[in-house]
């Protein structure tokens, strides 16, 4: 299915948010995620089904200043 991840259209096989992170090789630590502009708590990642056209923002912390 085709979803938008961090502004880029991406073809994925994942059916839920946790599977998407694994497929895209994100480590599951220190992430904040929103699907269609709604923040999804970490406890709900496995329960959050994805559908074609979803907009997903994956935010990782950075150091600097």
PDB file of N, CA and C in Angstrom:
ATOM      1  N   UNK A   1       0.841  -1.168   0.000  1.00  0.00           N
ATOM      2  CA  UNK A   1       0.000   0.000   0.000  1.00  0.00           C
ATOM      3  C   UNK A   1       0.885   1.229   0.000  1.00  0.00           C
ATOM      4  N   UNK A   2       0.354   2.327  -0.423  1.00  0.00           N
ATOM      5  CA  UNK A   2       1.110   3.569  -0.512  1.00  0.00           C
ATOM      6  C   UNK A   2       0.677   4.508   0.616  1.00  0.00           C
ATOM      7  N   UNK A   3       1.669   4.938   1.422  1.00  0.00           N
ATOM      8  CA  UNK A   3       1.446   5.897   2.494  1.00  0.00           C
ATOM      9  C   UNK A   3       2.455   7.034   2.336  1.00  0.00           C
ATOM     10  N   UNK A   4       2.261   8.081   3.086  1.00  0.00           N
ATOM     11  CA  UNK A   4       3.198   9.210   3.065  1.00  0.00           C
ATOM     12  C   UNK A   4       3.928   9.218   4.400  1.00  0.00           C
ATOM     13  N   UNK A   5       5.248   9.051   4.348  1.00  0.00           N
ATOM     14  CA  UNK A   5       6.067   9.027   5.552  1.00  0.00           C
ATOM     15  C   UNK A   5       7.012  10.216   5.509  1.00  0.00           C
ATOM     16  N   UNK A   6       6.881  11.086   6.484  1.00  0.00           N
ATOM     17  CA  UNK A   6       7.713  12.299   6.570  1.00  0.00           C
ATOM     18  C   UNK A   6       7.710  13.064   5.247  1.00  0.00           C
ATOM     19  N   UNK A   7       6.527  13.171   4.640  1.00  0.00           N
ATOM     20  CA  UNK A   7       6.359  13.974   3.442  1.00  0.00           C
ATOM     21  C   UNK A   7       6.652  13.273   2.128  1.00  0.00           C
ATOM     22  N   UNK A   8       7.085  12.017   2.166  1.00  0.00           N
ATOM     23  CA  UNK A   8       7.421  11.298   0.937  1.00  0.00           C
ATOM     24  C   UNK A   8       6.523  10.083   0.760  1.00  0.00           C
ATOM     25  N   UNK A   9       5.954   9.925  -0.436  1.00  0.00           N
ATOM     26  CA  UNK A   9       5.138   8.740  -0.710  1.00  0.00           C
ATOM     27  C   UNK A   9       6.031   7.508  -0.688  1.00  0.00           C
ATOM     28  N   UNK A  10       5.544   6.482  -0.001  1.00  0.00           N
ATOM     29  CA  UNK A  10       6.316   5.269   0.197  1.00  0.00           C
ATOM     30  C   UNK A  10       5.408   4.065   0.014  1.00  0.00           C
ATOM     31  N   UNK A  11       5.895   3.054  -0.659  1.00  0.00           N
ATOM     32  CA  UNK A  11       5.164   1.800  -0.822  1.00  0.00           C
ATOM     33  C   UNK A  11       5.598   0.867   0.305  1.00  0.00           C
ATOM     34  N   UNK A  12       4.639   0.369   1.102  1.00  0.00           N
ATOM     35  CA  UNK A  12       4.954  -0.500   2.236  1.00  0.00           C
ATOM     36  C   UNK A  12       4.063  -1.729   2.243  1.00  0.00           C
ATOM     37  N   UNK A  13       4.530  -2.754   2.946  1.00  0.00           N
ATOM     38  CA  UNK A  13       3.752  -3.975   3.136  1.00  0.00           C
ATOM     39  C   UNK A  13       3.089  -4.003   4.509  1.00  0.00           C
ATOM     40  N   UNK A  14       3.561  -3.176   5.426  1.00  0.00           N
ATOM     41  CA  UNK A  14       3.100  -3.186   6.817  1.00  0.00           C
ATOM     42  C   UNK A  14       1.611  -2.881   6.920  1.00  0.00           C
ATOM     43  N   UNK A  15       0.961  -3.534   7.878  1.00  0.00           N
ATOM     44  CA  UNK A  15      -0.464  -3.296   8.094  1.00  0.00           C
ATOM     45  C   UNK A  15      -0.733  -2.486   9.358  1.00  0.00           C
ATOM     46  N   UNK A  16       0.308  -2.329  10.206  1.00  0.00           N
ATOM     47  CA  UNK A  16       0.145  -1.506  11.403  1.00  0.00           C
ATOM     48  C   UNK A  16       1.409  -0.679  11.627  1.00  0.00           C
ATOM     49  N   UNK A  17       1.312   0.242  12.558  1.00  0.00           N
ATOM     50  CA  UNK A  17       2.399   1.190  12.778  1.00  0.00           C
ATOM     51  C   UNK A  17       3.679   0.514  13.259  1.00  0.00           C
ATOM     52  N   UNK A  18       3.583  -0.442  14.166  1.00  0.00           N
ATOM     53  CA  UNK A  18       4.783  -1.139  14.659  1.00  0.00           C
ATOM     54  C   UNK A  18       5.477  -1.888  13.526  1.00  0.00           C
ATOM     55  N   UNK A  19       4.704  -2.530  12.668  1.00  0.00           N
ATOM     56  CA  UNK A  19       5.281  -3.245  11.530  1.00  0.00           C
ATOM     57  C   UNK A  19       5.940  -2.279  10.546  1.00  0.00           C
ATOM     58  N   UNK A  20       5.365  -1.102  10.388  1.00  0.00           N
ATOM     59  CA  UNK A  20       5.957  -0.088   9.512  1.00  0.00           C
ATOM     60  C   UNK A  20       7.333   0.319  10.018  1.00  0.00           C
ATOM     61  N   UNK A  21       7.453   0.535  11.319  1.00  0.00           N
ATOM     62  CA  UNK A  21       8.746   0.918  11.886  1.00  0.00           C
ATOM     63  C   UNK A  21       9.792  -0.170  11.658  1.00  0.00           C
ATOM     64  N   UNK A  22       9.388  -1.409  11.814  1.00  0.00           N
ATOM     65  CA  UNK A  22      10.304  -2.531  11.570  1.00  0.00           C
ATOM     66  C   UNK A  22      10.686  -2.587  10.092  1.00  0.00           C
ATOM     67  N   UNK A  23       9.702  -2.461   9.222  1.00  0.00           N
ATOM     68  CA  UNK A  23       9.959  -2.513   7.779  1.00  0.00           C
ATOM     69  C   UNK A  23      10.895  -1.395   7.331  1.00  0.00           C
ATOM     70  N   UNK A  24      10.751  -0.222   7.933  1.00  0.00           N
ATOM     71  CA  UNK A  24      11.578   0.921   7.543  1.00  0.00           C
ATOM     72  C   UNK A  24      12.880   0.990   8.352  1.00  0.00           C
ATOM     73  N   UNK A  25      13.107  -0.038   9.186  1.00  0.00           N
ATOM     74  CA  UNK A  25      14.338  -0.185   9.971  1.00  0.00           C
ATOM     75  C   UNK A  25      14.575   0.948  10.960  1.00  0.00           C
ATOM     76  N   UNK A  26      13.486   1.428  11.565  1.00  0.00           N
ATOM     77  CA  UNK A  26      13.605   2.381  12.669  1.00  0.00           C
ATOM     78  C   UNK A  26      13.763   1.584  13.949  1.00  0.00           C
ATOM     79  N   UNK A  27      14.627   2.057  14.838  1.00  0.00           N
ATOM     80  CA  UNK A  27      14.686   1.474  16.162  1.00  0.00           C
ATOM     81  C   UNK A  27      13.500   2.045  16.927  1.00  0.00           C
ATOM     82  N   UNK A  28      12.864   1.231  17.743  1.00  0.00           N
ATOM     83  CA  UNK A  28      11.633   1.631  18.403  1.00  0.00           C
ATOM     84  C   UNK A  28      11.863   2.472  19.655  1.00  0.00           C
ATOM     85  N   UNK A  29      13.049   2.995  19.836  1.00  0.00           N
ATOM     86  CA  UNK A  29      13.316   3.826  21.006  1.00  0.00           C
ATOM     87  C   UNK A  29      13.358   5.281  20.593  1.00  0.00           C
ATOM     88  N   UNK A  30      12.974   6.134  21.500  1.00  0.00           N
ATOM     89  CA  UNK A  30      13.107   7.575  21.307  1.00  0.00           C
ATOM     90  C   UNK A  30      12.413   8.092  20.047  1.00  0.00           C
ATOM     91  N   UNK A  31      11.187   7.673  19.805  1.00  0.00           N
ATOM     92  CA  UNK A  31      10.435   8.156  18.652  1.00  0.00           C
ATOM     93  C   UNK A  31       9.120   8.775  19.102  1.00  0.00           C
ATOM     94  N   UNK A  32       8.655   9.737  18.355  1.00  0.00           N
ATOM     95  CA  UNK A  32       7.293  10.258  18.476  1.00  0.00           C
ATOM     96  C   UNK A  32       6.668  10.087  17.103  1.00  0.00           C
ATOM     97  N   UNK A  33       5.423   9.608  17.061  1.00  0.00           N
ATOM     98  CA  UNK A  33       4.788   9.310  15.782  1.00  0.00           C
ATOM     99  C   UNK A  33       3.385   9.880  15.743  1.00  0.00           C
ATOM    100  N   UNK A  34       3.045  10.469  14.604  1.00  0.00           N
ATOM    101  CA  UNK A  34       1.689  10.953  14.365  1.00  0.00           C
ATOM    102  C   UNK A  34       1.178  10.318  13.076  1.00  0.00           C
ATOM    103  N   UNK A  35      -0.071   9.915  13.087  1.00  0.00           N
ATOM    104  CA  UNK A  35      -0.735   9.392  11.897  1.00  0.00           C
ATOM    105  C   UNK A  35      -1.903  10.311  11.605  1.00  0.00           C
ATOM    106  N   UNK A  36      -1.886  10.900  10.421  1.00  0.00           N
ATOM    107  CA  UNK A  36      -2.923  11.849  10.025  1.00  0.00           C
ATOM    108  C   UNK A  36      -3.085  12.957  11.070  1.00  0.00           C
ATOM    109  N   UNK A  37      -1.940  13.470  11.536  1.00  0.00           N
ATOM    110  CA  UNK A  37      -1.850  14.604  12.456  1.00  0.00           C
ATOM    111  C   UNK A  37      -2.294  14.289  13.875  1.00  0.00           C
ATOM    112  N   UNK A  38      -2.475  13.020  14.203  1.00  0.00           N
ATOM    113  CA  UNK A  38      -2.837  12.612  15.558  1.00  0.00           C
ATOM    114  C   UNK A  38      -1.678  11.823  16.158  1.00  0.00           C
ATOM    115  N   UNK A  39      -1.147  12.289  17.291  1.00  0.00           N
ATOM    116  CA  UNK A  39      -0.053  11.587  17.953  1.00  0.00           C
ATOM    117  C   UNK A  39      -0.560  10.234  18.438  1.00  0.00           C
ATOM    118  N   UNK A  40       0.250   9.209  18.199  1.00  0.00           N
ATOM    119  CA  UNK A  40      -0.104   7.842  18.605  1.00  0.00           C
ATOM    120  C   UNK A  40       0.831   7.428  19.745  1.00  0.00           C
ATOM    121  N   UNK A  41       0.282   7.149  20.938  1.00  0.00           N
ATOM    122  CA  UNK A  41       1.124   6.701  22.047  1.00  0.00           C
ATOM    123  C   UNK A  41       1.813   5.373  21.713  1.00  0.00           C
ATOM    124  N   UNK A  42       2.995   5.192  22.237  1.00  0.00           N
ATOM    125  CA  UNK A  42       3.781   3.980  21.977  1.00  0.00           C
ATOM    126  C   UNK A  42       2.980   2.709  22.263  1.00  0.00           C
ATOM    127  N   UNK A  43       2.182   2.701  23.298  1.00  0.00           N
ATOM    128  CA  UNK A  43       1.395   1.516  23.660  1.00  0.00           C
ATOM    129  C   UNK A  43       0.376   1.143  22.583  1.00  0.00           C
ATOM    130  N   UNK A  44       0.080   2.058  21.662  1.00  0.00           N
ATOM    131  CA  UNK A  44      -0.923   1.809  20.624  1.00  0.00           C
ATOM    132  C   UNK A  44      -0.319   1.523  19.250  1.00  0.00           C
ATOM    133  N   UNK A  45       1.001   1.504  19.127  1.00  0.00           N
ATOM    134  CA  UNK A  45       1.633   1.318  17.819  1.00  0.00           C
ATOM    135  C   UNK A  45       1.209   0.013  17.157  1.00  0.00           C
ATOM    136  N   UNK A  46       1.141  -1.074  17.915  1.00  0.00           N
ATOM    137  CA  UNK A  46       0.754  -2.364  17.332  1.00  0.00           C
ATOM    138  C   UNK A  46      -0.724  -2.418  16.988  1.00  0.00           C
ATOM    139  N   UNK A  47      -1.522  -1.593  17.662  1.00  0.00           N
ATOM    140  CA  UNK A  47      -2.974  -1.574  17.450  1.00  0.00           C
ATOM    141  C   UNK A  47      -3.413  -0.572  16.386  1.00  0.00           C
ATOM    142  N   UNK A  48      -2.488   0.221  15.885  1.00  0.00           N
ATOM    143  CA  UNK A  48      -2.845   1.277  14.938  1.00  0.00           C
ATOM    144  C   UNK A  48      -2.705   0.764  13.507  1.00  0.00           C
ATOM    145  N   UNK A  49      -3.842   0.411  12.920  1.00  0.00           N
ATOM    146  CA  UNK A  49      -3.856  -0.093  11.545  1.00  0.00           C
ATOM    147  C   UNK A  49      -3.579   1.045  10.573  1.00  0.00           C
ATOM    148  N   UNK A  50      -2.883   0.715   9.498  1.00  0.00           N
ATOM    149  CA  UNK A  50      -2.591   1.686   8.454  1.00  0.00           C
ATOM    150  C   UNK A  50      -3.484   1.430   7.256  1.00  0.00           C
ATOM    151  N   UNK A  51      -3.802   2.510   6.544  1.00  0.00           N
ATOM    152  CA  UNK A  51      -4.549   2.364   5.296  1.00  0.00           C
ATOM    153  C   UNK A  51      -3.903   3.242   4.237  1.00  0.00           C
ATOM    154  N   UNK A  52      -4.133   2.893   3.018  1.00  0.00           N
ATOM    155  CA  UNK A  52      -3.530   3.618   1.902  1.00  0.00           C
ATOM    156  C   UNK A  52      -3.846   5.100   2.012  1.00  0.00           C
ATOM    157  N   UNK A  53      -2.818   5.922   1.817  1.00  0.00           N
ATOM    158  CA  UNK A  53      -2.983   7.370   1.852  1.00  0.00           C
ATOM    159  C   UNK A  53      -2.722   7.999   3.205  1.00  0.00           C
ATOM    160  N   UNK A  54      -2.523   7.185   4.260  1.00  0.00           N
ATOM    161  CA  UNK A  54      -2.230   7.745   5.581  1.00  0.00           C
ATOM    162  C   UNK A  54      -0.977   8.601   5.520  1.00  0.00           C
ATOM    163  N   UNK A  55      -0.988   9.677   6.311  1.00  0.00           N
ATOM    164  CA  UNK A  55       0.184  10.540   6.438  1.00  0.00           C
ATOM    165  C   UNK A  55       0.811  10.271   7.797  1.00  0.00           C
ATOM    166  N   UNK A  56       2.061   9.835   7.771  1.00  0.00           N
ATOM    167  CA  UNK A  56       2.758   9.430   8.983  1.00  0.00           C
ATOM    168  C   UNK A  56       3.985  10.312   9.163  1.00  0.00           C
ATOM    169  N   UNK A  57       4.102  10.875  10.360  1.00  0.00           N
ATOM    170  CA  UNK A  57       5.285  11.663  10.704  1.00  0.00           C
ATOM    171  C   UNK A  57       6.022  10.919  11.797  1.00  0.00           C
ATOM    172  N   UNK A  58       7.290  10.615  11.537  1.00  0.00           N
ATOM    173  CA  UNK A  58       8.144   9.939  12.516  1.00  0.00           C
ATOM    174  C   UNK A  58       9.208  10.942  12.933  1.00  0.00           C
ATOM    175  N   UNK A  59       9.198  11.271  14.219  1.00  0.00           N
ATOM    176  CA  UNK A  59      10.103  12.295  14.725  1.00  0.00           C
ATOM    177  C   UNK A  59      11.116  11.655  15.645  1.00  0.00           C
ATOM    178  N   UNK A  60      12.396  11.888  15.340  1.00  0.00           N
ATOM    179  CA  UNK A  60      13.479  11.353  16.153  1.00  0.00           C
ATOM    180  C   UNK A  60      14.195  12.513  16.851  1.00  0.00           C
ATOM    181  N   UNK A  61      14.674  12.303  18.066  1.00  0.00           N
ATOM    182  CA  UNK A  61      15.380  13.374  18.779  1.00  0.00           C
ATOM    183  C   UNK A  61      16.749  13.627  18.160  1.00  0.00           C
ATOM    184  N   UNK A  62      17.182  14.860  18.263  1.00  0.00           N
ATOM    185  CA  UNK A  62      18.520  15.242  17.798  1.00  0.00           C
ATOM    186  C   UNK A  62      19.199  16.052  18.871  1.00  0.00           C
ATOM    187  N   UNK A  63      20.519  15.959  18.910  1.00  0.00           N
ATOM    188  CA  UNK A  63      21.271  16.787  19.817  1.00  0.00           C
ATOM    189  C   UNK A  63      21.802  17.982  19.055  1.00  0.00           C
ATOM    190  N   UNK A  64      22.045  18.996  19.752  1.00  0.00           N
ATOM    191  CA  UNK A  64      22.596  20.189  19.115  1.00  0.00           C
ATOM    192  C   UNK A  64      22.041  21.428  19.792  1.00  0.00           C
ATOM    193  N   UNK A  65      22.407  22.524  19.217  1.00  0.00           N
ATOM    194  CA  UNK A  65      21.887  23.714  19.867  1.00  0.00           C
ATOM    195  C   UNK A  65      22.255  24.963  19.172  1.00  0.00           C
TER     196      UNK A  65
END
